[in-house]
Structures are given as C-alpha cells and as structure tokens.
Amino acid sequence: MIPSAAHTSRLSAWAASAGREDGLALPLAMVVVLILSALMLGLAQTTLSEINTALPTDRDVRANYLAQAALEDQLYRLKANKDAGAIPPTNYPVTAGQETWYRTTLTCLLNCATNFETRRWQIVATGEIHAPGSATVLQDRAVRAVVEIHYGGSGGSLYQFPNPGGVLILRWEEVYP
C-alpha cells in the first residue's frame, strides 16, 4: 500500500516538529518561577516563625536588665543621700513609644528613725516592657535586694564624706509571682 500524499505530509510535519522546542521556554520559565516562589515563601515563613519564638525571650531579658538598672539607680541615689525616696515609674531609656519602664519600692529595715552611720534597705526593682504607645505591659521582671550602706561620720555630720564608707549586698534575688 502506498501512503497518500496527505498522510505523508502529516508524517513529515510530525517528524519535523518532534525535534523542535518551540513554545517550551515559557512553560519552563513559569515552572522555575513557581519553584523559586515556593522556596521564598517557605524561607519567609521560617524566618517569621523564629522571630515570633524569640520575641518573648527578648522581652524577658530586656525586662530583667531594666529591673537591674533600677536597682543600681536606687543604690546610687541612696549612696548619695540616705533619705532618698523610691524611684517612681521612669521611662528608661527614653523612647518615642515609651516601651521600657522601671521603678522601685524602698523599705528601710534598720536604723530608719535614728541618724546612725549604717542603714539597711530592702529594694524591690521592677522592669517593664510595654506595647509601643500603650500602657499595656507585655513583660515584667523584678529583683529584690537587701543592702546595708555605711555612711561616713556620725550624729549631725553624716554627710561629711561625699561617698559612703561601704555598700554591702546582703541578699539579691529574682522575684517571681
């Protein structure tokens, strides 16, 4: 049987197109873009997940550092003046959104009403991380210390020396609710 002319032309067109790659570039580029997009989406999701996991830990560490800074500030004030009061809520360091705050409570434990050279104090210092521009507390930490400060002089001349003779930290601990 002799193939017809129409059949022969279809066979030759098919044979000619089998070796050609016309129209392959666009679908291949789309597949590559799709694969790269999926990889980038996975990377973005992983990064966001790790940031969300680390955020509470970061806030906790910052609140702890703020509490320790408040304790140091209170000690500095008591060393300069044994009649210094507690530190009210203070935005430190000053930020535009006022996210970081610290404060202290101060209790005199020994030689409070008398004018002796030594006083013992209990200081509870609290550091807080607030939501930016809000009073909502996201994280807070507190530390408590019992300190004894030996001031120079005696009687009416307690402030004759610019610095106290000694500061003794008797107890330091983190406060948990």
Protein backbone atom coordinates (compact mmCIF):
# COMPACT_ATOMS: atom_id res chain seq x y z
CA MET A 1 0.00 0.00 0.00
CA ILE A 2 1.30 3.35 -0.97
CA PRO A 3 0.77 6.14 1.52
CA SER A 4 -1.32 9.00 0.33
CA ALA A 5 0.10 12.47 -0.10
CA ALA A 6 -1.91 13.81 2.85
CA HIS A 7 -0.69 11.02 5.12
CA THR A 8 2.90 11.63 4.03
CA SER A 9 2.70 15.35 4.70
CA ARG A 10 1.32 14.69 8.23
CA LEU A 11 4.14 12.24 8.96
CA SER A 12 6.78 14.63 7.74
CA ALA A 13 5.24 17.53 9.78
CA TRP A 14 5.23 15.34 12.88
CA ALA A 15 8.82 14.21 12.31
CA ALA A 16 9.92 17.81 11.80
CA SER A 17 8.17 19.08 14.94
CA ALA A 18 9.48 16.24 17.13
CA GLY A 19 12.99 17.74 17.10
CA ARG A 20 11.86 21.36 17.64
CA GLU A 21 11.44 23.05 21.02
CA ASP A 22 9.16 25.92 20.04
CA GLY A 23 6.97 27.09 22.97
CA LEU A 24 8.97 25.26 25.65
CA ALA A 25 10.69 28.32 27.15
CA LEU A 26 7.57 29.97 28.62
CA PRO A 27 6.23 26.89 30.48
CA LEU A 28 9.73 26.06 31.72
CA ALA A 29 10.25 29.64 32.99
CA MET A 30 6.87 29.51 34.73
CA VAL A 31 7.77 26.25 36.48
CA VAL A 32 11.12 27.69 37.62
CA VAL A 33 9.42 30.87 38.93
CA LEU A 34 6.82 28.74 40.73
CA ILE A 35 9.52 26.63 42.42
CA LEU A 36 11.53 29.72 43.45
CA SER A 37 8.37 31.39 44.80
CA ALA A 38 7.58 28.33 46.91
CA LEU A 39 11.14 28.31 48.30
CA MET A 40 10.97 32.04 49.15
CA LEU A 41 7.59 31.60 50.83
CA GLY A 42 8.97 28.75 52.94
CA LEU A 43 12.00 30.84 53.92
CA ALA A 44 9.82 33.81 54.86
CA GLN A 45 7.54 31.58 56.96
CA THR A 46 10.51 30.04 58.78
CA THR A 47 12.05 33.45 59.49
CA LEU A 48 8.76 34.85 60.80
CA SER A 49 8.24 31.79 62.98
CA GLU A 50 11.71 32.11 64.52
CA ILE A 51 11.22 35.82 65.19
CA ASN A 52 7.89 35.16 66.92
CA THR A 53 9.52 32.43 69.00
CA ALA A 54 12.42 34.65 70.08
CA LEU A 55 10.35 37.77 70.87
CA PRO A 56 9.09 36.73 74.35
CA THR A 57 12.61 35.73 75.37
CA ASP A 58 13.98 39.06 74.18
CA ARG A 59 11.31 40.94 76.17
CA ASP A 60 12.06 38.87 79.27
CA VAL A 61 15.79 39.60 79.08
CA ARG A 62 15.18 43.32 78.49
CA ALA A 63 12.77 43.49 81.45
CA ASN A 64 15.35 41.76 83.67
CA TYR A 65 18.05 44.23 82.60
CA LEU A 66 15.66 47.12 83.33
CA ALA A 67 15.00 45.78 86.83
CA GLN A 68 18.73 45.50 87.48
CA ALA A 69 19.23 49.04 86.15
CA ALA A 70 16.53 50.30 88.54
CA LEU A 71 18.27 48.55 91.44
CA GLU A 72 21.61 50.15 90.51
CA ASP A 73 19.97 53.56 90.14
CA GLN A 74 18.30 53.23 93.56
CA LEU A 75 21.62 52.22 95.16
CA TYR A 76 23.31 55.22 93.58
CA ARG A 77 20.62 57.54 94.94
CA LEU A 78 20.83 56.01 98.44
CA LYS A 79 24.61 56.29 98.48
CA ALA A 80 24.32 59.97 97.63
CA ASN A 81 21.50 60.64 100.12
CA LYS A 82 20.28 58.20 102.76
CA ASP A 83 16.92 59.96 102.79
CA ALA A 84 16.31 59.42 99.07
CA GLY A 85 12.92 58.06 98.14
CA ALA A 86 11.89 55.23 95.85
CA ILE A 87 12.11 55.72 92.11
CA PRO A 88 8.71 56.39 90.54
CA PRO A 89 7.84 54.79 87.17
CA THR A 90 10.51 56.08 84.80
CA ASN A 91 10.73 55.67 81.02
CA TYR A 92 14.32 54.48 80.63
CA PRO A 93 15.91 54.71 78.20
CA VAL A 94 13.58 57.38 76.89
CA THR A 95 11.97 56.02 73.75
CA ALA A 96 9.39 57.55 71.42
CA GLY A 97 6.87 54.77 72.08
CA GLN A 98 7.73 54.65 75.81
CA GLU A 99 8.16 50.88 75.71
CA THR A 100 10.64 50.48 78.59
CA TRP A 101 9.96 51.45 82.20
CA TYR A 102 11.43 50.82 85.62
CA ARG A 103 10.50 51.64 89.19
CA THR A 104 11.43 50.67 92.73
CA THR A 105 9.87 50.26 96.12
CA LEU A 106 12.09 51.04 99.07
CA THR A 107 11.79 49.85 102.66
CA CYS A 108 14.17 50.82 105.44
CA LEU A 109 14.85 47.77 107.63
CA LEU A 110 17.42 49.01 110.17
CA ASN A 111 18.20 52.40 111.79
CA CYS A 112 15.39 54.12 109.94
CA ALA A 113 14.26 56.69 112.51
CA THR A 114 17.66 57.34 114.00
CA ASN A 115 20.61 59.10 112.48
CA PHE A 116 23.16 56.27 112.60
CA GLU A 117 26.02 55.69 110.21
CA THR A 118 24.50 52.47 108.88
CA ARG A 119 21.13 51.82 107.33
CA ARG A 120 19.73 48.61 105.92
CA TRP A 121 17.35 48.76 102.97
CA GLN A 122 15.16 46.36 101.06
CA ILE A 123 14.82 47.40 97.43
CA VAL A 124 12.37 45.79 95.02
CA ALA A 125 13.12 46.93 91.48
CA THR A 126 10.78 46.21 88.57
CA GLY A 127 11.43 46.46 84.83
CA GLU A 128 8.54 46.52 82.38
CA ILE A 129 8.21 46.23 78.62
CA HIS A 130 5.10 47.99 77.34
CA ALA A 131 3.38 47.80 73.97
CA PRO A 132 4.55 50.80 71.92
CA GLY A 133 2.48 53.88 72.72
CA SER A 134 0.37 51.99 75.26
CA ALA A 135 0.23 51.30 78.97
CA THR A 136 -0.24 47.58 78.28
CA VAL A 137 2.53 45.61 79.99
CA LEU A 138 3.87 42.84 77.74
CA GLN A 139 6.55 41.59 80.14
CA ASP A 140 7.77 42.50 83.60
CA ARG A 141 10.56 41.24 85.85
CA ALA A 142 11.51 42.15 89.39
CA VAL A 143 14.59 41.76 91.57
CA ARG A 144 14.82 42.22 95.31
CA ALA A 145 17.92 43.17 97.25
CA VAL A 146 18.71 43.78 100.89
CA VAL A 147 21.63 46.18 101.19
CA GLU A 148 23.46 47.80 104.05
CA ILE A 149 25.02 51.18 103.44
CA HIS A 150 27.66 52.56 105.82
CA TYR A 151 27.62 56.33 105.67
CA GLY A 152 30.56 58.44 106.82
CA GLY A 153 30.53 60.47 110.03
CA SER A 154 28.15 60.28 112.95
CA GLY A 155 25.43 62.33 114.54
CA GLY A 156 24.76 65.57 112.69
CA SER A 157 27.73 65.20 110.34
CA LEU A 158 26.56 62.13 108.43
CA TYR A 159 27.16 63.77 105.09
CA GLN A 160 30.70 64.93 105.75
CA PHE A 161 32.09 62.42 103.24
CA PRO A 162 30.87 62.55 99.64
CA ASN A 163 30.79 58.76 99.32
CA PRO A 164 29.59 56.14 101.79
CA GLY A 165 32.19 54.06 103.54
CA GLY A 166 30.76 50.83 102.14
CA VAL A 167 27.84 49.14 100.50
CA LEU A 168 27.16 45.54 101.45
CA ILE A 169 24.64 43.50 99.46
CA LEU A 170 23.26 41.03 101.95
CA ARG A 171 20.74 39.40 99.63
CA TRP A 172 19.87 39.55 95.97
CA GLU A 173 17.17 37.50 94.29
CA GLU A 174 14.74 37.48 91.44
CA VAL A 175 11.10 37.90 92.39
CA TYR A 176 8.64 35.51 90.81
CA PRO A 177 4.87 35.92 91.04
